[in-house]
Amino acid sequence: EVYCLITDKYGNSIKSDIVTLNMGTPLEIVEQPSDASAVIGSVVKTKVTAVGEDLTYQWYVLNPNATKFVESSITKATYSYAMTASKSGRKVYCVITDKYGNSVTTDTVTLTAK
């Protein structure tokens, strides 16, 4: 708890209201996603572990033969999909945002078929 005591040059003073300051958890990536592979027809997964307050996740994908990353429908810490031959080599990364609007971006990883 803190307050401020304001005094003028004549010695008059006034005290502000008392307020409570809380320390939030800073946004940080604890564990980056990693490259992963799966047999065609099975699920391939990669995940990010982060700390912060009220985190949201947005994954972005670059499919083989594509030229730019696009927003994925995956909005959880784990990115997963059923592996197909046409999706082997897909690159993904995640943008994590906290309730204050701060964001961090993971490394880009590659998901391949075994």
PDB file of N, CA and C in Angstrom:
ATOM      1  N   GLU A   1       0.841  -1.171   0.000  1.00  0.00           N
ATOM      2  CA  GLU A   1       0.000   0.000   0.000  1.00  0.00           C
ATOM      3  C   GLU A   1       0.887   1.235   0.000  1.00  0.00           C
ATOM      4  N   VAL A   2       0.448   2.261  -0.722  1.00  0.00           N
ATOM      5  CA  VAL A   2       1.211   3.505  -0.788  1.00  0.00           C
ATOM      6  C   VAL A   2       0.257   4.699  -0.744  1.00  0.00           C
ATOM      7  N   TYR A   3       0.811   5.821  -0.339  1.00  0.00           N
ATOM      8  CA  TYR A   3       0.095   7.094  -0.426  1.00  0.00           C
ATOM      9  C   TYR A   3       1.124   8.183  -0.663  1.00  0.00           C
ATOM     10  N   CYS A   4       0.644   9.359  -1.013  1.00  0.00           N
ATOM     11  CA  CYS A   4       1.541  10.470  -1.280  1.00  0.00           C
ATOM     12  C   CYS A   4       1.201  11.624  -0.340  1.00  0.00           C
ATOM     13  N   LEU A   5       2.224  12.216   0.264  1.00  0.00           N
ATOM     14  CA  LEU A   5       2.061  13.396   1.104  1.00  0.00           C
ATOM     15  C   LEU A   5       2.593  14.586   0.313  1.00  0.00           C
ATOM     16  N   ILE A   6       1.707  15.532   0.008  1.00  0.00           N
ATOM     17  CA  ILE A   6       2.066  16.690  -0.805  1.00  0.00           C
ATOM     18  C   ILE A   6       2.137  17.909   0.118  1.00  0.00           C
ATOM     19  N   THR A   7       3.272  18.607   0.075  1.00  0.00           N
ATOM     20  CA  THR A   7       3.480  19.782   0.933  1.00  0.00           C
ATOM     21  C   THR A   7       3.890  20.968   0.064  1.00  0.00           C
ATOM     22  N   ASP A   8       3.250  22.114   0.309  1.00  0.00           N
ATOM     23  CA  ASP A   8       3.644  23.314  -0.433  1.00  0.00           C
ATOM     24  C   ASP A   8       4.720  24.081   0.329  1.00  0.00           C
ATOM     25  N   LYS A   9       5.183  25.204  -0.240  1.00  0.00           N
ATOM     26  CA  LYS A   9       6.276  25.962   0.373  1.00  0.00           C
ATOM     27  C   LYS A   9       5.888  26.644   1.684  1.00  0.00           C
ATOM     28  N   TYR A  10       4.583  26.682   1.985  1.00  0.00           N
ATOM     29  CA  TYR A  10       4.119  27.301   3.220  1.00  0.00           C
ATOM     30  C   TYR A  10       3.922  26.276   4.338  1.00  0.00           C
ATOM     31  N   GLY A  11       4.216  25.021   4.038  1.00  0.00           N
ATOM     32  CA  GLY A  11       4.081  23.990   5.048  1.00  0.00           C
ATOM     33  C   GLY A  11       2.718  23.333   5.088  1.00  0.00           C
ATOM     34  N   ASN A  12       1.809  23.757   4.195  1.00  0.00           N
ATOM     35  CA  ASN A  12       0.505  23.090   4.113  1.00  0.00           C
ATOM     36  C   ASN A  12       0.696  21.739   3.443  1.00  0.00           C
ATOM     37  N   SER A  13       0.018  20.732   3.957  1.00  0.00           N
ATOM     38  CA  SER A  13       0.162  19.410   3.348  1.00  0.00           C
ATOM     39  C   SER A  13      -1.188  18.708   3.268  1.00  0.00           C
ATOM     40  N   ILE A  14      -1.230  17.802   2.370  1.00  0.00           N
ATOM     41  CA  ILE A  14      -2.415  16.973   2.185  1.00  0.00           C
ATOM     42  C   ILE A  14      -1.937  15.576   1.820  1.00  0.00           C
ATOM     43  N   LYS A  15      -2.673  14.591   2.301  1.00  0.00           N
ATOM     44  CA  LYS A  15      -2.308  13.198   2.047  1.00  0.00           C
ATOM     45  C   LYS A  15      -3.290  12.617   1.033  1.00  0.00           C
ATOM     46  N   SER A  16      -2.765  11.897   0.046  1.00  0.00           N
ATOM     47  CA  SER A  16      -3.626  11.249  -0.948  1.00  0.00           C
ATOM     48  C   SER A  16      -4.296  10.025  -0.336  1.00  0.00           C
ATOM     49  N   ASP A  17      -5.215   9.462  -1.073  1.00  0.00           N
ATOM     50  CA  ASP A  17      -5.816   8.193  -0.666  1.00  0.00           C
ATOM     51  C   ASP A  17      -4.741   7.110  -0.670  1.00  0.00           C
ATOM     52  N   ILE A  18      -4.965   6.085   0.101  1.00  0.00           N
ATOM     53  CA  ILE A  18      -4.070   4.926   0.115  1.00  0.00           C
ATOM     54  C   ILE A  18      -4.514   3.981  -1.005  1.00  0.00           C
ATOM     55  N   VAL A  19      -3.562   3.517  -1.786  1.00  0.00           N
ATOM     56  CA  VAL A  19      -3.856   2.569  -2.859  1.00  0.00           C
ATOM     57  C   VAL A  19      -2.975   1.339  -2.692  1.00  0.00           C
ATOM     58  N   THR A  20      -3.437   0.255  -3.234  1.00  0.00           N
ATOM     59  CA  THR A  20      -2.688  -0.997  -3.193  1.00  0.00           C
ATOM     60  C   THR A  20      -2.112  -1.270  -4.573  1.00  0.00           C
ATOM     61  N   LEU A  21      -0.826  -1.543  -4.620  1.00  0.00           N
ATOM     62  CA  LEU A  21      -0.158  -1.893  -5.870  1.00  0.00           C
ATOM     63  C   LEU A  21       0.056  -3.393  -5.906  1.00  0.00           C
ATOM     64  N   ASN A  22      -0.270  -4.001  -7.036  1.00  0.00           N
ATOM     65  CA  ASN A  22      -0.061  -5.433  -7.209  1.00  0.00           C
ATOM     66  C   ASN A  22       0.965  -5.659  -8.303  1.00  0.00           C
ATOM     67  N   MET A  23       1.841  -6.598  -8.087  1.00  0.00           N
ATOM     68  CA  MET A  23       2.836  -6.949  -9.088  1.00  0.00           C
ATOM     69  C   MET A  23       2.273  -8.072  -9.944  1.00  0.00           C
ATOM     70  N   GLY A  24       2.193  -7.842 -11.241  1.00  0.00           N
ATOM     71  CA  GLY A  24       1.716  -8.871 -12.157  1.00  0.00           C
ATOM     72  C   GLY A  24       2.847  -9.800 -12.553  1.00  0.00           C
ATOM     73  N   THR A  25       2.482 -10.890 -13.179  1.00  0.00           N
ATOM     74  CA  THR A  25       3.465 -11.834 -13.693  1.00  0.00           C
ATOM     75  C   THR A  25       3.877 -11.374 -15.082  1.00  0.00           C
ATOM     76  N   PRO A  26       5.145 -11.079 -15.312  1.00  0.00           N
ATOM     77  CA  PRO A  26       5.564 -10.615 -16.634  1.00  0.00           C
ATOM     78  C   PRO A  26       5.398 -11.718 -17.680  1.00  0.00           C
ATOM     79  N   LEU A  27       5.014 -11.322 -18.870  1.00  0.00           N
ATOM     80  CA  LEU A  27       4.851 -12.252 -19.989  1.00  0.00           C
ATOM     81  C   LEU A  27       6.211 -12.796 -20.400  1.00  0.00           C
ATOM     82  N   GLU A  28       6.302 -14.119 -20.473  1.00  0.00           N
ATOM     83  CA  GLU A  28       7.577 -14.746 -20.827  1.00  0.00           C
ATOM     84  C   GLU A  28       7.328 -16.131 -21.392  1.00  0.00           C
ATOM     85  N   ILE A  29       8.075 -16.484 -22.422  1.00  0.00           N
ATOM     86  CA  ILE A  29       8.046 -17.850 -22.946  1.00  0.00           C
ATOM     87  C   ILE A  29       8.987 -18.685 -22.090  1.00  0.00           C
ATOM     88  N   VAL A  30       8.454 -19.751 -21.508  1.00  0.00           N
ATOM     89  CA  VAL A  30       9.237 -20.639 -20.657  1.00  0.00           C
ATOM     90  C   VAL A  30       9.826 -21.781 -21.483  1.00  0.00           C
ATOM     91  N   GLU A  31       9.034 -22.270 -22.439  1.00  0.00           N
ATOM     92  CA  GLU A  31       9.497 -23.358 -23.305  1.00  0.00           C
ATOM     93  C   GLU A  31       9.000 -23.110 -24.719  1.00  0.00           C
ATOM     94  N   GLN A  32       9.943 -23.054 -25.654  1.00  0.00           N
ATOM     95  CA  GLN A  32       9.614 -22.833 -27.065  1.00  0.00           C
ATOM     96  C   GLN A  32       8.993 -24.098 -27.664  1.00  0.00           C
ATOM     97  N   PRO A  33       8.185 -23.951 -28.716  1.00  0.00           N
ATOM     98  CA  PRO A  33       7.727 -25.143 -29.435  1.00  0.00           C
ATOM     99  C   PRO A  33       8.933 -25.798 -30.111  1.00  0.00           C
ATOM    100  N   SER A  34       8.772 -27.042 -30.510  1.00  0.00           N
ATOM    101  CA  SER A  34       9.881 -27.727 -31.159  1.00  0.00           C
ATOM    102  C   SER A  34       9.397 -28.403 -32.438  1.00  0.00           C
ATOM    103  N   ASP A  35      10.357 -28.664 -33.344  1.00  0.00           N
ATOM    104  CA  ASP A  35      10.041 -29.410 -34.549  1.00  0.00           C
ATOM    105  C   ASP A  35       9.429 -30.740 -34.134  1.00  0.00           C
ATOM    106  N   ALA A  36       8.491 -31.240 -34.953  1.00  0.00           N
ATOM    107  CA  ALA A  36       7.858 -32.514 -34.632  1.00  0.00           C
ATOM    108  C   ALA A  36       7.510 -33.245 -35.920  1.00  0.00           C
ATOM    109  N   SER A  37       7.339 -34.557 -35.786  1.00  0.00           N
ATOM    110  CA  SER A  37       6.930 -35.357 -36.942  1.00  0.00           C
ATOM    111  C   SER A  37       5.943 -36.417 -36.490  1.00  0.00           C
ATOM    112  N   ALA A  38       5.157 -36.884 -37.450  1.00  0.00           N
ATOM    113  CA  ALA A  38       4.157 -37.920 -37.170  1.00  0.00           C
ATOM    114  C   ALA A  38       3.934 -38.745 -38.426  1.00  0.00           C
ATOM    115  N   VAL A  39       3.499 -39.958 -38.223  1.00  0.00           N
ATOM    116  CA  VAL A  39       3.138 -40.839 -39.332  1.00  0.00           C
ATOM    117  C   VAL A  39       1.906 -40.247 -40.010  1.00  0.00           C
ATOM    118  N   ILE A  40       1.849 -40.342 -41.321  1.00  0.00           N
ATOM    119  CA  ILE A  40       0.685 -39.834 -42.060  1.00  0.00           C
ATOM    120  C   ILE A  40      -0.582 -40.486 -41.499  1.00  0.00           C
ATOM    121  N   GLY A  41      -1.575 -39.662 -41.214  1.00  0.00           N
ATOM    122  CA  GLY A  41      -2.835 -40.127 -40.637  1.00  0.00           C
ATOM    123  C   GLY A  41      -2.908 -39.964 -39.131  1.00  0.00           C
ATOM    124  N   SER A  42      -1.766 -39.741 -38.475  1.00  0.00           N
ATOM    125  CA  SER A  42      -1.787 -39.520 -37.029  1.00  0.00           C
ATOM    126  C   SER A  42      -1.614 -38.026 -36.742  1.00  0.00           C
ATOM    127  N   VAL A  43      -1.779 -37.667 -35.493  1.00  0.00           N
ATOM    128  CA  VAL A  43      -1.738 -36.261 -35.106  1.00  0.00           C
ATOM    129  C   VAL A  43      -0.314 -35.840 -34.771  1.00  0.00           C
ATOM    130  N   VAL A  44       0.093 -34.709 -35.312  1.00  0.00           N
ATOM    131  CA  VAL A  44       1.377 -34.115 -34.978  1.00  0.00           C
ATOM    132  C   VAL A  44       1.087 -32.917 -34.079  1.00  0.00           C
ATOM    133  N   LYS A  45       1.937 -32.721 -33.056  1.00  0.00           N
ATOM    134  CA  LYS A  45       1.712 -31.651 -32.078  1.00  0.00           C
ATOM    135  C   LYS A  45       3.005 -30.938 -31.755  1.00  0.00           C
ATOM    136  N   THR A  46       2.858 -29.672 -31.448  1.00  0.00           N
ATOM    137  CA  THR A  46       3.942 -28.889 -30.847  1.00  0.00           C
ATOM    138  C   THR A  46       3.281 -27.913 -29.885  1.00  0.00           C
ATOM    139  N   LYS A  47       3.982 -27.538 -28.831  1.00  0.00           N
ATOM    140  CA  LYS A  47       3.357 -26.651 -27.847  1.00  0.00           C
ATOM    141  C   LYS A  47       4.337 -25.613 -27.355  1.00  0.00           C
ATOM    142  N   VAL A  48       3.767 -24.544 -26.820  1.00  0.00           N
ATOM    143  CA  VAL A  48       4.543 -23.492 -26.191  1.00  0.00           C
ATOM    144  C   VAL A  48       4.099 -23.417 -24.736  1.00  0.00           C
ATOM    145  N   THR A  49       5.042 -23.148 -23.851  1.00  0.00           N
ATOM    146  CA  THR A  49       4.722 -22.916 -22.445  1.00  0.00           C
ATOM    147  C   THR A  49       5.129 -21.488 -22.125  1.00  0.00           C
ATOM    148  N   ALA A  50       4.173 -20.728 -21.583  1.00  0.00           N
ATOM    149  CA  ALA A  50       4.430 -19.324 -21.265  1.00  0.00           C
ATOM    150  C   ALA A  50       3.800 -18.979 -19.924  1.00  0.00           C
ATOM    151  N   VAL A  51       4.293 -17.917 -19.313  1.00  0.00           N
ATOM    152  CA  VAL A  51       3.702 -17.389 -18.083  1.00  0.00           C
ATOM    153  C   VAL A  51       3.310 -15.942 -18.329  1.00  0.00           C
ATOM    154  N   GLY A  52       2.287 -15.511 -17.610  1.00  0.00           N
ATOM    155  CA  GLY A  52       1.762 -14.169 -17.735  1.00  0.00           C
ATOM    156  C   GLY A  52       0.321 -14.184 -17.265  1.00  0.00           C
ATOM    157  N   GLU A  53      -0.370 -13.079 -17.456  1.00  0.00           N
ATOM    158  CA  GLU A  53      -1.738 -12.968 -16.975  1.00  0.00           C
ATOM    159  C   GLU A  53      -2.733 -13.017 -18.134  1.00  0.00           C
ATOM    160  N   ASP A  54      -3.719 -13.916 -18.009  1.00  0.00           N
ATOM    161  CA  ASP A  54      -4.794 -14.058 -19.003  1.00  0.00           C
ATOM    162  C   ASP A  54      -4.227 -14.151 -20.418  1.00  0.00           C
ATOM    163  N   LEU A  55      -3.449 -15.175 -20.664  1.00  0.00           N
ATOM    164  CA  LEU A  55      -2.761 -15.327 -21.939  1.00  0.00           C
ATOM    165  C   LEU A  55      -3.706 -15.786 -23.047  1.00  0.00           C
ATOM    166  N   THR A  56      -3.478 -15.250 -24.249  1.00  0.00           N
ATOM    167  CA  THR A  56      -4.154 -15.739 -25.447  1.00  0.00           C
ATOM    168  C   THR A  56      -3.074 -16.193 -26.424  1.00  0.00           C
ATOM    169  N   TYR A  57      -3.421 -17.161 -27.244  1.00  0.00           N
ATOM    170  CA  TYR A  57      -2.484 -17.765 -28.183  1.00  0.00           C
ATOM    171  C   TYR A  57      -3.047 -17.651 -29.591  1.00  0.00           C
ATOM    172  N   GLN A  58      -2.201 -17.279 -30.539  1.00  0.00           N
ATOM    173  CA  GLN A  58      -2.596 -17.267 -31.948  1.00  0.00           C
ATOM    174  C   GLN A  58      -1.468 -17.864 -32.768  1.00  0.00           C
ATOM    175  N   TRP A  59      -1.760 -19.002 -33.393  1.00  0.00           N
ATOM    176  CA  TRP A  59      -0.772 -19.679 -34.221  1.00  0.00           C
ATOM    177  C   TRP A  59      -0.878 -19.190 -35.663  1.00  0.00           C
ATOM    178  N   TYR A  60       0.262 -19.208 -36.346  1.00  0.00           N
ATOM    179  CA  TYR A  60       0.349 -18.840 -37.761  1.00  0.00           C
ATOM    180  C   TYR A  60       1.035 -19.983 -38.499  1.00  0.00           C
ATOM    181  N   VAL A  61       0.589 -20.253 -39.735  1.00  0.00           N
ATOM    182  CA  VAL A  61       1.110 -21.388 -40.496  1.00  0.00           C
ATOM    183  C   VAL A  61       1.606 -20.950 -41.872  1.00  0.00           C
ATOM    184  N   LEU A  62       2.611 -21.665 -42.329  1.00  0.00           N
ATOM    185  CA  LEU A  62       3.114 -21.532 -43.690  1.00  0.00           C
ATOM    186  C   LEU A  62       3.122 -22.937 -44.273  1.00  0.00           C
ATOM    187  N   ASN A  63       2.185 -23.195 -45.172  1.00  0.00           N
ATOM    188  CA  ASN A  63       2.094 -24.519 -45.780  1.00  0.00           C
ATOM    189  C   ASN A  63       3.178 -24.698 -46.833  1.00  0.00           C
ATOM    190  N   PRO A  64       3.551 -25.951 -47.111  1.00  0.00           N
ATOM    191  CA  PRO A  64       4.522 -26.203 -48.169  1.00  0.00           C
ATOM    192  C   PRO A  64       4.033 -25.552 -49.469  1.00  0.00           C
ATOM    193  N   ASN A  65       4.933 -24.970 -50.204  1.00  0.00           N
ATOM    194  CA  ASN A  65       4.654 -24.294 -51.474  1.00  0.00           C
ATOM    195  C   ASN A  65       3.895 -22.982 -51.310  1.00  0.00           C
ATOM    196  N   ALA A  66       3.622 -22.534 -50.091  1.00  0.00           N
ATOM    197  CA  ALA A  66       2.993 -21.230 -49.868  1.00  0.00           C
ATOM    198  C   ALA A  66       4.089 -20.179 -49.730  1.00  0.00           C
ATOM    199  N   THR A  67       3.710 -18.919 -49.864  1.00  0.00           N
ATOM    200  CA  THR A  67       4.702 -17.848 -49.807  1.00  0.00           C
ATOM    201  C   THR A  67       4.598 -16.983 -48.559  1.00  0.00           C
ATOM    202  N   LYS A  68       3.491 -17.099 -47.814  1.00  0.00           N
ATOM    203  CA  LYS A  68       3.384 -16.283 -46.609  1.00  0.00           C
ATOM    204  C   LYS A  68       2.622 -17.020 -45.513  1.00  0.00           C
ATOM    205  N   PHE A  69       2.924 -16.634 -44.277  1.00  0.00           N
ATOM    206  CA  PHE A  69       2.228 -17.193 -43.128  1.00  0.00           C
ATOM    207  C   PHE A  69       0.810 -16.638 -43.085  1.00  0.00           C
ATOM    208  N   VAL A  70      -0.129 -17.485 -42.662  1.00  0.00           N
ATOM    209  CA  VAL A  70      -1.518 -17.064 -42.471  1.00  0.00           C
ATOM    210  C   VAL A  70      -1.967 -17.462 -41.072  1.00  0.00           C
ATOM    211  N   GLU A  71      -2.950 -16.739 -40.567  1.00  0.00           N
ATOM    212  CA  GLU A  71      -3.485 -17.015 -39.231  1.00  0.00           C
ATOM    213  C   GLU A  71      -4.190 -18.363 -39.229  1.00  0.00           C
ATOM    214  N   SER A  72      -3.918 -19.141 -38.198  1.00  0.00           N
ATOM    215  CA  SER A  72      -4.547 -20.448 -38.014  1.00  0.00           C
ATOM    216  C   SER A  72      -5.795 -20.291 -37.142  1.00  0.00           C
ATOM    217  N   SER A  73      -6.627 -21.311 -37.130  1.00  0.00           N
ATOM    218  CA  SER A  73      -7.793 -21.320 -36.235  1.00  0.00           C
ATOM    219  C   SER A  73      -7.411 -21.808 -34.838  1.00  0.00           C
ATOM    220  N   ILE A  74      -6.168 -22.248 -34.650  1.00  0.00           N
ATOM    221  CA  ILE A  74      -5.716 -22.768 -33.359  1.00  0.00           C
ATOM    222  C   ILE A  74      -5.384 -21.602 -32.430  1.00  0.00           C
ATOM    223  N   THR A  75      -6.052 -21.580 -31.268  1.00  0.00           N
ATOM    224  CA  THR A  75      -5.844 -20.500 -30.297  1.00  0.00           C
ATOM    225  C   THR A  75      -5.568 -21.062 -28.897  1.00  0.00           C
ATOM    226  N   LYS A  76      -4.866 -22.174 -28.860  1.00  0.00           N
ATOM    227  CA  LYS A  76      -4.465 -22.809 -27.601  1.00  0.00           C
ATOM    228  C   LYS A  76      -2.951 -22.927 -27.580  1.00  0.00           C
ATOM    229  N   ALA A  77      -2.408 -23.317 -26.440  1.00  0.00           N
ATOM    230  CA  ALA A  77      -0.960 -23.431 -26.296  1.00  0.00           C
ATOM    231  C   ALA A  77      -0.382 -24.566 -27.141  1.00  0.00           C
ATOM    232  N   THR A  78      -1.202 -25.564 -27.460  1.00  0.00           N
ATOM    233  CA  THR A  78      -0.753 -26.689 -28.276  1.00  0.00           C
ATOM    234  C   THR A  78      -1.323 -26.571 -29.683  1.00  0.00           C
ATOM    235  N   TYR A  79      -0.458 -26.700 -30.673  1.00  0.00           N
ATOM    236  CA  TYR A  79      -0.872 -26.708 -32.074  1.00  0.00           C
ATOM    237  C   TYR A  79      -0.847 -28.152 -32.538  1.00  0.00           C
ATOM    238  N   SER A  80      -1.942 -28.620 -33.125  1.00  0.00           N
ATOM    239  CA  SER A  80      -1.976 -29.999 -33.607  1.00  0.00           C
ATOM    240  C   SER A  80      -2.877 -30.121 -34.833  1.00  0.00           C
ATOM    241  N   TYR A  81      -2.575 -31.129 -35.666  1.00  0.00           N
ATOM    242  CA  TYR A  81      -3.410 -31.457 -36.827  1.00  0.00           C
ATOM    243  C   TYR A  81      -3.067 -32.863 -37.293  1.00  0.00           C
ATOM    244  N   ALA A  82      -3.970 -33.439 -38.085  1.00  0.00           N
ATOM    245  CA  ALA A  82      -3.735 -34.773 -38.646  1.00  0.00           C
ATOM    246  C   ALA A  82      -2.762 -34.619 -39.813  1.00  0.00           C
ATOM    247  N   MET A  83      -1.656 -35.324 -39.722  1.00  0.00           N
ATOM    248  CA  MET A  83      -0.611 -35.222 -40.740  1.00  0.00           C
ATOM    249  C   MET A  83      -1.059 -35.847 -42.057  1.00  0.00           C
ATOM    250  N   THR A  84      -0.805 -35.124 -43.139  1.00  0.00           N
ATOM    251  CA  THR A  84      -1.014 -35.640 -44.493  1.00  0.00           C
ATOM    252  C   THR A  84       0.266 -35.386 -45.273  1.00  0.00           C
ATOM    253  N   ALA A  85       0.420 -36.061 -46.393  1.00  0.00           N
ATOM    254  CA  ALA A  85       1.612 -35.858 -47.214  1.00  0.00           C
ATOM    255  C   ALA A  85       1.703 -34.411 -47.690  1.00  0.00           C
ATOM    256  N   SER A  86       0.566 -33.814 -48.020  1.00  0.00           N
ATOM    257  CA  SER A  86       0.575 -32.440 -48.536  1.00  0.00           C
ATOM    258  C   SER A  86       0.889 -31.401 -47.455  1.00  0.00           C
ATOM    259  N   LYS A  87       0.747 -31.767 -46.186  1.00  0.00           N
ATOM    260  CA  LYS A  87       1.034 -30.829 -45.091  1.00  0.00           C
ATOM    261  C   LYS A  87       2.412 -31.058 -44.473  1.00  0.00           C
ATOM    262  N   SER A  88       3.136 -32.054 -44.951  1.00  0.00           N
ATOM    263  CA  SER A  88       4.472 -32.307 -44.430  1.00  0.00           C
ATOM    264  C   SER A  88       5.385 -31.141 -44.803  1.00  0.00           C
ATOM    265  N   GLY A  89       6.074 -30.598 -43.814  1.00  0.00           N
ATOM    266  CA  GLY A  89       6.930 -29.441 -44.032  1.00  0.00           C
ATOM    267  C   GLY A  89       6.270 -28.134 -43.620  1.00  0.00           C
ATOM    268  N   ARG A  90       5.062 -28.210 -43.077  1.00  0.00           N
ATOM    269  CA  ARG A  90       4.359 -27.010 -42.596  1.00  0.00           C
ATOM    270  C   ARG A  90       5.189 -26.339 -41.510  1.00  0.00           C
ATOM    271  N   LYS A  91       5.313 -25.038 -41.581  1.00  0.00           N
ATOM    272  CA  LYS A  91       6.012 -24.247 -40.563  1.00  0.00           C
ATOM    273  C   LYS A  91       4.969 -23.500 -39.737  1.00  0.00           C
ATOM    274  N   VAL A  92       5.210 -23.403 -38.423  1.00  0.00           N
ATOM    275  CA  VAL A  92       4.277 -22.712 -37.526  1.00  0.00           C
ATOM    276  C   VAL A  92       5.036 -21.902 -36.489  1.00  0.00           C
ATOM    277  N   TYR A  93       4.383 -20.837 -36.027  1.00  0.00           N
ATOM    278  CA  TYR A  93       4.861 -20.081 -34.874  1.00  0.00           C
ATOM    279  C   TYR A  93       3.638 -19.536 -34.157  1.00  0.00           C
ATOM    280  N   CYS A  94       3.833 -19.083 -32.927  1.00  0.00           N
ATOM    281  CA  CYS A  94       2.723 -18.608 -32.107  1.00  0.00           C
ATOM    282  C   CYS A  94       3.024 -17.222 -31.556  1.00  0.00           C
ATOM    283  N   VAL A  95       1.991 -16.362 -31.528  1.00  0.00           N
ATOM    284  CA  VAL A  95       2.076 -15.063 -30.864  1.00  0.00           C
ATOM    285  C   VAL A  95       1.235 -15.158 -29.598  1.00  0.00           C
ATOM    286  N   ILE A  96       1.850 -14.897 -28.459  1.00  0.00           N
ATOM    287  CA  ILE A  96       1.182 -14.982 -27.155  1.00  0.00           C
ATOM    288  C   ILE A  96       1.006 -13.558 -26.643  1.00  0.00           C
ATOM    289  N   THR A  97      -0.207 -13.257 -26.197  1.00  0.00           N
ATOM    290  CA  THR A  97      -0.519 -11.905 -25.717  1.00  0.00           C
ATOM    291  C   THR A  97      -1.104 -11.993 -24.318  1.00  0.00           C
ATOM    292  N   ASP A  98      -0.703 -11.054 -23.452  1.00  0.00           N
ATOM    293  CA  ASP A  98      -1.270 -11.030 -22.100  1.00  0.00           C
ATOM    294  C   ASP A  98      -2.387  -9.988 -22.013  1.00  0.00           C
ATOM    295  N   LYS A  99      -3.014  -9.889 -20.849  1.00  0.00           N
ATOM    296  CA  LYS A  99      -4.170  -9.004 -20.691  1.00  0.00           C
ATOM    297  C   LYS A  99      -3.812  -7.524 -20.800  1.00  0.00           C
ATOM    298  N   TYR A 100      -2.527  -7.199 -20.762  1.00  0.00           N
ATOM    299  CA  TYR A 100      -2.095  -5.812 -20.870  1.00  0.00           C
ATOM    300  C   TYR A 100      -1.758  -5.419 -22.311  1.00  0.00           C
ATOM    301  N   GLY A 101      -1.859  -6.380 -23.234  1.00  0.00           N
ATOM    302  CA  GLY A 101      -1.539  -6.108 -24.634  1.00  0.00           C
ATOM    303  C   GLY A 101      -0.100  -6.375 -25.005  1.00  0.00           C
ATOM    304  N   ASN A 102       0.709  -6.848 -24.056  1.00  0.00           N
ATOM    305  CA  ASN A 102       2.089  -7.222 -24.366  1.00  0.00           C
ATOM    306  C   ASN A 102       2.071  -8.527 -25.144  1.00  0.00           C
ATOM    307  N   SER A 103       2.993  -8.688 -26.081  1.00  0.00           N
ATOM    308  CA  SER A 103       3.036  -9.939 -26.829  1.00  0.00           C
ATOM    309  C   SER A 103       4.469 -10.393 -27.051  1.00  0.00           C
ATOM    310  N   VAL A 104       4.615 -11.703 -27.207  1.00  0.00           N
ATOM    311  CA  VAL A 104       5.891 -12.331 -27.536  1.00  0.00           C
ATOM    312  C   VAL A 104       5.628 -13.344 -28.641  1.00  0.00           C
ATOM    313  N   THR A 105       6.641 -13.584 -29.449  1.00  0.00           N
ATOM    314  CA  THR A 105       6.522 -14.504 -30.575  1.00  0.00           C
ATOM    315  C   THR A 105       7.498 -15.653 -30.396  1.00  0.00           C
ATOM    316  N   THR A 106       7.017 -16.870 -30.626  1.00  0.00           N
ATOM    317  CA  THR A 106       7.867 -18.047 -30.483  1.00  0.00           C
ATOM    318  C   THR A 106       8.795 -18.192 -31.693  1.00  0.00           C
ATOM    319  N   ASP A 107       9.704 -19.132 -31.553  1.00  0.00           N
ATOM    320  CA  ASP A 107      10.497 -19.561 -32.697  1.00  0.00           C
ATOM    321  C   ASP A 107       9.575 -20.215 -33.724  1.00  0.00           C
ATOM    322  N   THR A 108       9.988 -20.242 -34.972  1.00  0.00           N
ATOM    323  CA  THR A 108       9.263 -20.959 -36.014  1.00  0.00           C
ATOM    324  C   THR A 108       9.772 -22.387 -36.051  1.00  0.00           C
ATOM    325  N   VAL A 109       8.841 -23.353 -36.089  1.00  0.00           N
ATOM    326  CA  VAL A 109       9.217 -24.765 -36.118  1.00  0.00           C
ATOM    327  C   VAL A 109       8.591 -25.441 -37.329  1.00  0.00           C
ATOM    328  N   THR A 110       9.100 -26.620 -37.666  1.00  0.00           N
ATOM    329  CA  THR A 110       8.632 -27.353 -38.838  1.00  0.00           C
ATOM    330  C   THR A 110       8.003 -28.674 -38.411  1.00  0.00           C
ATOM    331  N   LEU A 111       6.859 -28.989 -39.003  1.00  0.00           N
ATOM    332  CA  LEU A 111       6.121 -30.227 -38.725  1.00  0.00           C
ATOM    333  C   LEU A 111       6.157 -31.090 -39.992  1.00  0.00           C
ATOM    334  N   THR A 112       6.647 -32.322 -39.847  1.00  0.00           N
ATOM    335  CA  THR A 112       6.854 -33.179 -41.018  1.00  0.00           C
ATOM    336  C   THR A 112       6.265 -34.556 -40.825  1.00  0.00           C
ATOM    337  N   ALA A 113       6.110 -35.263 -41.953  1.00  0.00           N
ATOM    338  CA  ALA A 113       5.650 -36.653 -41.940  1.00  0.00           C
ATOM    339  C   ALA A 113       6.849 -37.574 -41.765  1.00  0.00           C
ATOM    340  N   LYS A 114       6.633 -38.669 -41.023  1.00  0.00           N
ATOM    341  CA  LYS A 114       7.691 -39.670 -40.852  1.00  0.00           C
ATOM    342  C   LYS A 114       7.688 -40.591 -42.057  1.00  0.00           C
TER     343      LYS A 114
END
